[in-house]
């Protein structure tokens, strides 16, 4: 599955523990990444300062569903069930 351009769910729903430019402590689940543009595109996509966890993310129907709204719900659910 290819990412839906302008979705941004993976930059909002999950927590990210790695430093992000502008968010040195990472970000909590449900908080919008500061690197996510108003068009829901990553401003640091393909750049070395992008966290490895972000670069490694691959869209999948089980995680992203069939809409941006469903992706927010599913990724949020995955965040909860995999929390340590």
PDB file of N, CA and C in Angstrom:
ATOM      1  N   UNK A   1       0.841  -1.174   0.000  1.00  0.00           N
ATOM      2  CA  UNK A   1       0.000   0.000   0.000  1.00  0.00           C
ATOM      3  C   UNK A   1       0.886   1.237   0.000  1.00  0.00           C
ATOM      4  N   UNK A   2       0.501   2.245  -0.766  1.00  0.00           N
ATOM      5  CA  UNK A   2       1.214   3.519  -0.768  1.00  0.00           C
ATOM      6  C   UNK A   2       0.562   4.466   0.231  1.00  0.00           C
ATOM      7  N   UNK A   3       1.364   5.349   0.806  1.00  0.00           N
ATOM      8  CA  UNK A   3       0.812   6.368   1.698  1.00  0.00           C
ATOM      9  C   UNK A   3      -0.147   7.263   0.912  1.00  0.00           C
ATOM     10  N   UNK A   4      -1.206   7.688   1.613  1.00  0.00           N
ATOM     11  CA  UNK A   4      -2.117   8.680   1.031  1.00  0.00           C
ATOM     12  C   UNK A   4      -1.478  10.046   1.234  1.00  0.00           C
ATOM     13  N   UNK A   5      -1.115  10.702   0.163  1.00  0.00           N
ATOM     14  CA  UNK A   5      -0.491  12.020   0.275  1.00  0.00           C
ATOM     15  C   UNK A   5      -1.431  12.964   1.018  1.00  0.00           C
ATOM     16  N   UNK A   6      -0.875  13.663   1.984  1.00  0.00           N
ATOM     17  CA  UNK A   6      -1.664  14.599   2.760  1.00  0.00           C
ATOM     18  C   UNK A   6      -2.439  13.967   3.892  1.00  0.00           C
ATOM     19  N   UNK A   7      -2.154  12.712   4.223  1.00  0.00           N
ATOM     20  CA  UNK A   7      -2.849  12.033   5.323  1.00  0.00           C
ATOM     21  C   UNK A   7      -2.330  12.558   6.658  1.00  0.00           C
ATOM     22  N   UNK A   8      -1.057  12.347   6.944  1.00  0.00           N
ATOM     23  CA  UNK A   8      -0.436  12.852   8.152  1.00  0.00           C
ATOM     24  C   UNK A   8      -0.745  12.091   9.426  1.00  0.00           C
ATOM     25  N   UNK A   9      -1.551  11.040   9.353  1.00  0.00           N
ATOM     26  CA  UNK A   9      -1.930  10.309  10.569  1.00  0.00           C
ATOM     27  C   UNK A   9      -0.718   9.769  11.312  1.00  0.00           C
ATOM     28  N   UNK A  10       0.280   9.305  10.594  1.00  0.00           N
ATOM     29  CA  UNK A  10       1.469   8.747  11.235  1.00  0.00           C
ATOM     30  C   UNK A  10       2.330   9.822  11.889  1.00  0.00           C
ATOM     31  N   UNK A  11       2.023  11.088  11.614  1.00  0.00           N
ATOM     32  CA  UNK A  11       2.735  12.216  12.224  1.00  0.00           C
ATOM     33  C   UNK A  11       1.922  12.848  13.349  1.00  0.00           C
ATOM     34  N   UNK A  12       0.760  12.275  13.624  1.00  0.00           N
ATOM     35  CA  UNK A  12      -0.116  12.796  14.670  1.00  0.00           C
ATOM     36  C   UNK A  12      -0.402  11.725  15.727  1.00  0.00           C
ATOM     37  N   UNK A  13      -0.910  10.579  15.301  1.00  0.00           N
ATOM     38  CA  UNK A  13      -1.424   9.573  16.230  1.00  0.00           C
ATOM     39  C   UNK A  13      -0.372   8.909  17.118  1.00  0.00           C
ATOM     40  N   UNK A  14       0.781   8.493  16.597  1.00  0.00           N
ATOM     41  CA  UNK A  14       1.706   7.752  17.467  1.00  0.00           C
ATOM     42  C   UNK A  14       2.612   8.672  18.279  1.00  0.00           C
ATOM     43  N   UNK A  15       3.130   8.114  19.369  1.00  0.00           N
ATOM     44  CA  UNK A  15       4.191   8.811  20.089  1.00  0.00           C
ATOM     45  C   UNK A  15       5.491   8.551  19.325  1.00  0.00           C
ATOM     46  N   UNK A  16       6.410   9.482  19.427  1.00  0.00           N
ATOM     47  CA  UNK A  16       7.734   9.315  18.819  1.00  0.00           C
ATOM     48  C   UNK A  16       8.740   9.680  19.902  1.00  0.00           C
ATOM     49  N   UNK A  17       9.539   8.718  20.312  1.00  0.00           N
ATOM     50  CA  UNK A  17      10.476   8.955  21.408  1.00  0.00           C
ATOM     51  C   UNK A  17      11.800   9.548  20.935  1.00  0.00           C
ATOM     52  N   UNK A  18      12.070   9.499  19.646  1.00  0.00           N
ATOM     53  CA  UNK A  18      13.299  10.049  19.092  1.00  0.00           C
ATOM     54  C   UNK A  18      13.193  11.565  18.967  1.00  0.00           C
ATOM     55  N   UNK A  19      14.330  12.256  19.087  1.00  0.00           N
ATOM     56  CA  UNK A  19      14.303  13.703  18.867  1.00  0.00           C
ATOM     57  C   UNK A  19      13.877  14.032  17.428  1.00  0.00           C
ATOM     58  N   UNK A  20      13.110  15.084  17.310  1.00  0.00           N
ATOM     59  CA  UNK A  20      12.644  15.599  16.029  1.00  0.00           C
ATOM     60  C   UNK A  20      13.079  17.060  16.003  1.00  0.00           C
ATOM     61  N   UNK A  21      13.583  17.586  14.874  1.00  0.00           N
ATOM     62  CA  UNK A  21      13.904  19.011  14.850  1.00  0.00           C
ATOM     63  C   UNK A  21      12.700  19.839  15.311  1.00  0.00           C
ATOM     64  N   UNK A  22      12.904  20.625  16.359  1.00  0.00           N
ATOM     65  CA  UNK A  22      11.830  21.420  16.928  1.00  0.00           C
ATOM     66  C   UNK A  22      11.106  20.722  18.057  1.00  0.00           C
ATOM     67  N   UNK A  23      11.388  19.429  18.248  1.00  0.00           N
ATOM     68  CA  UNK A  23      10.786  18.638  19.329  1.00  0.00           C
ATOM     69  C   UNK A  23      11.881  17.722  19.882  1.00  0.00           C
ATOM     70  N   UNK A  24      12.834  18.272  20.618  1.00  0.00           N
ATOM     71  CA  UNK A  24      13.994  17.483  21.051  1.00  0.00           C
ATOM     72  C   UNK A  24      13.664  16.293  21.947  1.00  0.00           C
ATOM     73  N   UNK A  25      12.502  16.300  22.589  1.00  0.00           N
ATOM     74  CA  UNK A  25      12.093  15.179  23.437  1.00  0.00           C
ATOM     75  C   UNK A  25      11.173  14.213  22.692  1.00  0.00           C
ATOM     76  N   UNK A  26      11.007  14.395  21.395  1.00  0.00           N
ATOM     77  CA  UNK A  26      10.051  13.594  20.641  1.00  0.00           C
ATOM     78  C   UNK A  26       8.663  14.176  20.817  1.00  0.00           C
ATOM     79  N   UNK A  27       7.621  13.360  20.654  1.00  0.00           N
ATOM     80  CA  UNK A  27       6.257  13.862  20.804  1.00  0.00           C
ATOM     81  C   UNK A  27       5.347  12.796  21.386  1.00  0.00           C
ATOM     82  N   UNK A  28       4.363  13.209  22.155  1.00  0.00           N
ATOM     83  CA  UNK A  28       3.396  12.246  22.693  1.00  0.00           C
ATOM     84  C   UNK A  28       2.359  11.852  21.645  1.00  0.00           C
ATOM     85  N   UNK A  29       1.719  10.747  21.867  1.00  0.00           N
ATOM     86  CA  UNK A  29       0.645  10.286  20.982  1.00  0.00           C
ATOM     87  C   UNK A  29      -0.454  11.340  20.913  1.00  0.00           C
ATOM     88  N   UNK A  30      -0.970  11.546  19.734  1.00  0.00           N
ATOM     89  CA  UNK A  30      -2.071  12.480  19.530  1.00  0.00           C
ATOM     90  C   UNK A  30      -1.647  13.912  19.305  1.00  0.00           C
ATOM     91  N   UNK A  31      -0.370  14.210  19.473  1.00  0.00           N
ATOM     92  CA  UNK A  31       0.133  15.564  19.237  1.00  0.00           C
ATOM     93  C   UNK A  31       0.690  15.662  17.823  1.00  0.00           C
ATOM     94  N   UNK A  32       0.354  16.727  17.143  1.00  0.00           N
ATOM     95  CA  UNK A  32       0.822  16.954  15.779  1.00  0.00           C
ATOM     96  C   UNK A  32       2.325  17.261  15.804  1.00  0.00           C
ATOM     97  N   UNK A  33       3.078  16.605  14.945  1.00  0.00           N
ATOM     98  CA  UNK A  33       4.511  16.873  14.818  1.00  0.00           C
ATOM     99  C   UNK A  33       4.703  18.285  14.263  1.00  0.00           C
ATOM    100  N   UNK A  34       5.683  19.015  14.795  1.00  0.00           N
ATOM    101  CA  UNK A  34       5.937  20.376  14.311  1.00  0.00           C
ATOM    102  C   UNK A  34       6.451  20.376  12.874  1.00  0.00           C
ATOM    103  N   UNK A  35       6.932  19.244  12.399  1.00  0.00           N
ATOM    104  CA  UNK A  35       7.429  19.158  11.033  1.00  0.00           C
ATOM    105  C   UNK A  35       6.336  18.803  10.025  1.00  0.00           C
ATOM    106  N   UNK A  36       5.109  18.657  10.488  1.00  0.00           N
ATOM    107  CA  UNK A  36       3.984  18.360   9.598  1.00  0.00           C
ATOM    108  C   UNK A  36       3.393  19.675   9.107  1.00  0.00           C
ATOM    109  N   UNK A  37       3.393  19.860   7.795  1.00  0.00           N
ATOM    110  CA  UNK A  37       2.909  21.113   7.216  1.00  0.00           C
ATOM    111  C   UNK A  37       1.385  21.211   7.296  1.00  0.00           C
ATOM    112  N   UNK A  38       0.854  22.376   6.963  1.00  0.00           N
ATOM    113  CA  UNK A  38      -0.606  22.550   6.964  1.00  0.00           C
ATOM    114  C   UNK A  38      -1.257  21.649   5.923  1.00  0.00           C
ATOM    115  N   UNK A  39      -0.491  21.209   4.925  1.00  0.00           N
ATOM    116  CA  UNK A  39      -0.978  20.277   3.908  1.00  0.00           C
ATOM    117  C   UNK A  39      -0.769  18.822   4.325  1.00  0.00           C
ATOM    118  N   UNK A  40      -0.367  18.613   5.591  1.00  0.00           N
ATOM    119  CA  UNK A  40      -0.082  17.275   6.136  1.00  0.00           C
ATOM    120  C   UNK A  40       1.027  16.553   5.375  1.00  0.00           C
ATOM    121  N   UNK A  41       2.066  17.283   5.054  1.00  0.00           N
ATOM    122  CA  UNK A  41       3.254  16.710   4.422  1.00  0.00           C
ATOM    123  C   UNK A  41       4.444  16.938   5.344  1.00  0.00           C
ATOM    124  N   UNK A  42       5.351  15.985   5.389  1.00  0.00           N
ATOM    125  CA  UNK A  42       6.528  16.082   6.251  1.00  0.00           C
ATOM    126  C   UNK A  42       7.533  17.061   5.655  1.00  0.00           C
ATOM    127  N   UNK A  43       7.891  18.069   6.429  1.00  0.00           N
ATOM    128  CA  UNK A  43       8.854  19.076   5.970  1.00  0.00           C
ATOM    129  C   UNK A  43      10.281  18.532   5.909  1.00  0.00           C
ATOM    130  N   UNK A  44      10.557  17.434   6.613  1.00  0.00           N
ATOM    131  CA  UNK A  44      11.922  16.893   6.629  1.00  0.00           C
ATOM    132  C   UNK A  44      11.997  15.517   5.954  1.00  0.00           C
ATOM    133  N   UNK A  45      10.995  15.199   5.143  1.00  0.00           N
ATOM    134  CA  UNK A  45      10.974  13.920   4.430  1.00  0.00           C
ATOM    135  C   UNK A  45      12.256  13.779   3.605  1.00  0.00           C
ATOM    136  N   UNK A  46      12.921  12.635   3.743  1.00  0.00           N
ATOM    137  CA  UNK A  46      14.134  12.355   2.981  1.00  0.00           C
ATOM    138  C   UNK A  46      15.387  13.025   3.504  1.00  0.00           C
ATOM    139  N   UNK A  47      15.284  13.778   4.586  1.00  0.00           N
ATOM    140  CA  UNK A  47      16.444  14.464   5.151  1.00  0.00           C
ATOM    141  C   UNK A  47      17.025  13.650   6.300  1.00  0.00           C
ATOM    142  N   UNK A  48      18.333  13.764   6.527  1.00  0.00           N
ATOM    143  CA  UNK A  48      18.976  12.934   7.554  1.00  0.00           C
ATOM    144  C   UNK A  48      18.481  13.192   8.972  1.00  0.00           C
ATOM    145  N   UNK A  49      17.951  14.364   9.253  1.00  0.00           N
ATOM    146  CA  UNK A  49      17.473  14.649  10.606  1.00  0.00           C
ATOM    147  C   UNK A  49      16.097  14.056  10.896  1.00  0.00           C
ATOM    148  N   UNK A  50      15.454  13.486   9.891  1.00  0.00           N
ATOM    149  CA  UNK A  50      14.165  12.817  10.109  1.00  0.00           C
ATOM    150  C   UNK A  50      14.413  11.564  10.950  1.00  0.00           C
ATOM    151  N   UNK A  51      13.628  11.362  12.016  1.00  0.00           N
ATOM    152  CA  UNK A  51      13.837  10.185  12.874  1.00  0.00           C
ATOM    153  C   UNK A  51      13.754   8.870  12.088  1.00  0.00           C
ATOM    154  N   UNK A  52      14.593   7.929  12.480  1.00  0.00           N
ATOM    155  CA  UNK A  52      14.626   6.627  11.805  1.00  0.00           C
ATOM    156  C   UNK A  52      13.264   5.936  11.862  1.00  0.00           C
ATOM    157  N   UNK A  53      12.552   6.074  12.982  1.00  0.00           N
ATOM    158  CA  UNK A  53      11.238   5.438  13.112  1.00  0.00           C
ATOM    159  C   UNK A  53      10.270   5.980  12.050  1.00  0.00           C
ATOM    160  N   UNK A  54      10.394   7.246  11.723  1.00  0.00           N
ATOM    161  CA  UNK A  54       9.533   7.835  10.694  1.00  0.00           C
ATOM    162  C   UNK A  54       9.914   7.315   9.307  1.00  0.00           C
ATOM    163  N   UNK A  55      11.216   7.271   9.053  1.00  0.00           N
ATOM    164  CA  UNK A  55      11.691   6.787   7.755  1.00  0.00           C
ATOM    165  C   UNK A  55      11.337   5.321   7.537  1.00  0.00           C
ATOM    166  N   UNK A  56      11.289   4.548   8.618  1.00  0.00           N
ATOM    167  CA  UNK A  56      11.015   3.115   8.513  1.00  0.00           C
ATOM    168  C   UNK A  56       9.526   2.800   8.385  1.00  0.00           C
ATOM    169  N   UNK A  57       8.651   3.769   8.667  1.00  0.00           N
ATOM    170  CA  UNK A  57       7.213   3.508   8.615  1.00  0.00           C
ATOM    171  C   UNK A  57       6.793   3.136   7.199  1.00  0.00           C
ATOM    172  N   UNK A  58       6.009   2.073   7.084  1.00  0.00           N
ATOM    173  CA  UNK A  58       5.458   1.661   5.800  1.00  0.00           C
ATOM    174  C   UNK A  58       3.953   1.554   5.938  1.00  0.00           C
ATOM    175  N   UNK A  59       3.258   2.215   5.047  1.00  0.00           N
ATOM    176  CA  UNK A  59       1.794   2.175   5.073  1.00  0.00           C
ATOM    177  C   UNK A  59       1.304   0.745   4.877  1.00  0.00           C
ATOM    178  N   UNK A  60       0.249   0.400   5.607  1.00  0.00           N
ATOM    179  CA  UNK A  60      -0.348  -0.927   5.519  1.00  0.00           C
ATOM    180  C   UNK A  60      -1.831  -0.766   5.821  1.00  0.00           C
ATOM    181  N   UNK A  61      -2.655  -1.505   5.150  1.00  0.00           N
ATOM    182  CA  UNK A  61      -4.103  -1.397   5.335  1.00  0.00           C
ATOM    183  C   UNK A  61      -4.502  -1.637   6.790  1.00  0.00           C
ATOM    184  N   UNK A  62      -3.784  -2.532   7.509  1.00  0.00           N
ATOM    185  CA  UNK A  62      -4.108  -2.812   8.912  1.00  0.00           C
ATOM    186  C   UNK A  62      -3.794  -1.634   9.819  1.00  0.00           C
ATOM    187  N   UNK A  63      -2.905  -0.782   9.396  1.00  0.00           N
ATOM    188  CA  UNK A  63      -2.504   0.375  10.190  1.00  0.00           C
ATOM    189  C   UNK A  63      -3.170   1.649   9.686  1.00  0.00           C
ATOM    190  N   UNK A  64      -3.321   1.761   8.391  1.00  0.00           N
ATOM    191  CA  UNK A  64      -3.795   3.006   7.782  1.00  0.00           C
ATOM    192  C   UNK A  64      -5.264   2.992   7.373  1.00  0.00           C
ATOM    193  N   UNK A  65      -5.858   1.819   7.321  1.00  0.00           N
ATOM    194  CA  UNK A  65      -7.265   1.743   6.939  1.00  0.00           C
ATOM    195  C   UNK A  65      -7.514   2.296   5.547  1.00  0.00           C
ATOM    196  N   UNK A  66      -8.722   2.800   5.346  1.00  0.00           N
ATOM    197  CA  UNK A  66      -9.095   3.271   4.003  1.00  0.00           C
ATOM    198  C   UNK A  66      -9.315   4.785   3.945  1.00  0.00           C
ATOM    199  N   UNK A  67      -9.031   5.486   5.048  1.00  0.00           N
ATOM    200  CA  UNK A  67      -9.176   6.945   5.049  1.00  0.00           C
ATOM    201  C   UNK A  67      -8.236   7.536   6.094  1.00  0.00           C
ATOM    202  N   UNK A  68      -8.032   8.834   6.013  1.00  0.00           N
ATOM    203  CA  UNK A  68      -7.175   9.506   6.985  1.00  0.00           C
ATOM    204  C   UNK A  68      -7.762   9.384   8.390  1.00  0.00           C
ATOM    205  N   UNK A  69      -9.074   9.519   8.507  1.00  0.00           N
ATOM    206  CA  UNK A  69      -9.741   9.423   9.803  1.00  0.00           C
ATOM    207  C   UNK A  69      -9.573   8.023  10.402  1.00  0.00           C
ATOM    208  N   UNK A  70      -9.719   7.015   9.549  1.00  0.00           N
ATOM    209  CA  UNK A  70      -9.543   5.646  10.021  1.00  0.00           C
ATOM    210  C   UNK A  70      -8.090   5.414  10.435  1.00  0.00           C
ATOM    211  N   UNK A  71      -7.154   5.997   9.710  1.00  0.00           N
ATOM    212  CA  UNK A  71      -5.737   5.860  10.054  1.00  0.00           C
ATOM    213  C   UNK A  71      -5.457   6.442  11.437  1.00  0.00           C
ATOM    214  N   UNK A  72      -6.019   7.603  11.741  1.00  0.00           N
ATOM    215  CA  UNK A  72      -5.844   8.211  13.069  1.00  0.00           C
ATOM    216  C   UNK A  72      -6.362   7.253  14.144  1.00  0.00           C
ATOM    217  N   UNK A  73      -7.545   6.681  13.927  1.00  0.00           N
ATOM    218  CA  UNK A  73      -8.124   5.748  14.901  1.00  0.00           C
ATOM    219  C   UNK A  73      -7.264   4.491  15.047  1.00  0.00           C
ATOM    220  N   UNK A  74      -6.886   3.896  13.920  1.00  0.00           N
ATOM    221  CA  UNK A  74      -6.125   2.646  13.962  1.00  0.00           C
ATOM    222  C   UNK A  74      -4.734   2.841  14.561  1.00  0.00           C
ATOM    223  N   UNK A  75      -4.046   3.868  14.137  1.00  0.00           N
ATOM    224  CA  UNK A  75      -2.703   4.101  14.675  1.00  0.00           C
ATOM    225  C   UNK A  75      -2.795   4.414  16.166  1.00  0.00           C
ATOM    226  N   UNK A  76      -3.808   5.166  16.563  1.00  0.00           N
ATOM    227  CA  UNK A  76      -4.032   5.426  17.987  1.00  0.00           C
ATOM    228  C   UNK A  76      -4.274   4.150  18.763  1.00  0.00           C
ATOM    229  N   UNK A  77      -5.069   3.241  18.177  1.00  0.00           N
ATOM    230  CA  UNK A  77      -5.336   1.957  18.812  1.00  0.00           C
ATOM    231  C   UNK A  77      -4.045   1.161  18.939  1.00  0.00           C
ATOM    232  N   UNK A  78      -3.267   1.072  17.841  1.00  0.00           N
ATOM    233  CA  UNK A  78      -1.999   0.357  17.885  1.00  0.00           C
ATOM    234  C   UNK A  78      -1.075   0.945  18.948  1.00  0.00           C
ATOM    235  N   UNK A  79      -1.067   2.266  19.056  1.00  0.00           N
ATOM    236  CA  UNK A  79      -0.261   2.945  20.083  1.00  0.00           C
ATOM    237  C   UNK A  79      -0.649   2.455  21.472  1.00  0.00           C
ATOM    238  N   UNK A  80      -1.937   2.364  21.733  1.00  0.00           N
ATOM    239  CA  UNK A  80      -2.414   1.925  23.050  1.00  0.00           C
ATOM    240  C   UNK A  80      -2.087   0.463  23.341  1.00  0.00           C
ATOM    241  N   UNK A  81      -2.314  -0.411  22.370  1.00  0.00           N
ATOM    242  CA  UNK A  81      -2.100  -1.844  22.646  1.00  0.00           C
ATOM    243  C   UNK A  81      -0.639  -2.238  22.676  1.00  0.00           C
ATOM    244  N   UNK A  82       0.234  -1.416  22.152  1.00  0.00           N
ATOM    245  CA  UNK A  82       1.658  -1.742  22.160  1.00  0.00           C
ATOM    246  C   UNK A  82       2.444  -0.917  23.173  1.00  0.00           C
ATOM    247  N   UNK A  83       1.756  -0.069  23.935  1.00  0.00           N
ATOM    248  CA  UNK A  83       2.441   0.758  24.937  1.00  0.00           C
ATOM    249  C   UNK A  83       3.084  -0.125  25.999  1.00  0.00           C
ATOM    250  N   UNK A  84       4.272   0.265  26.354  1.00  0.00           N
ATOM    251  CA  UNK A  84       5.016  -0.535  27.361  1.00  0.00           C
ATOM    252  C   UNK A  84       4.662  -0.104  28.764  1.00  0.00           C
TER     253      UNK A  84
END
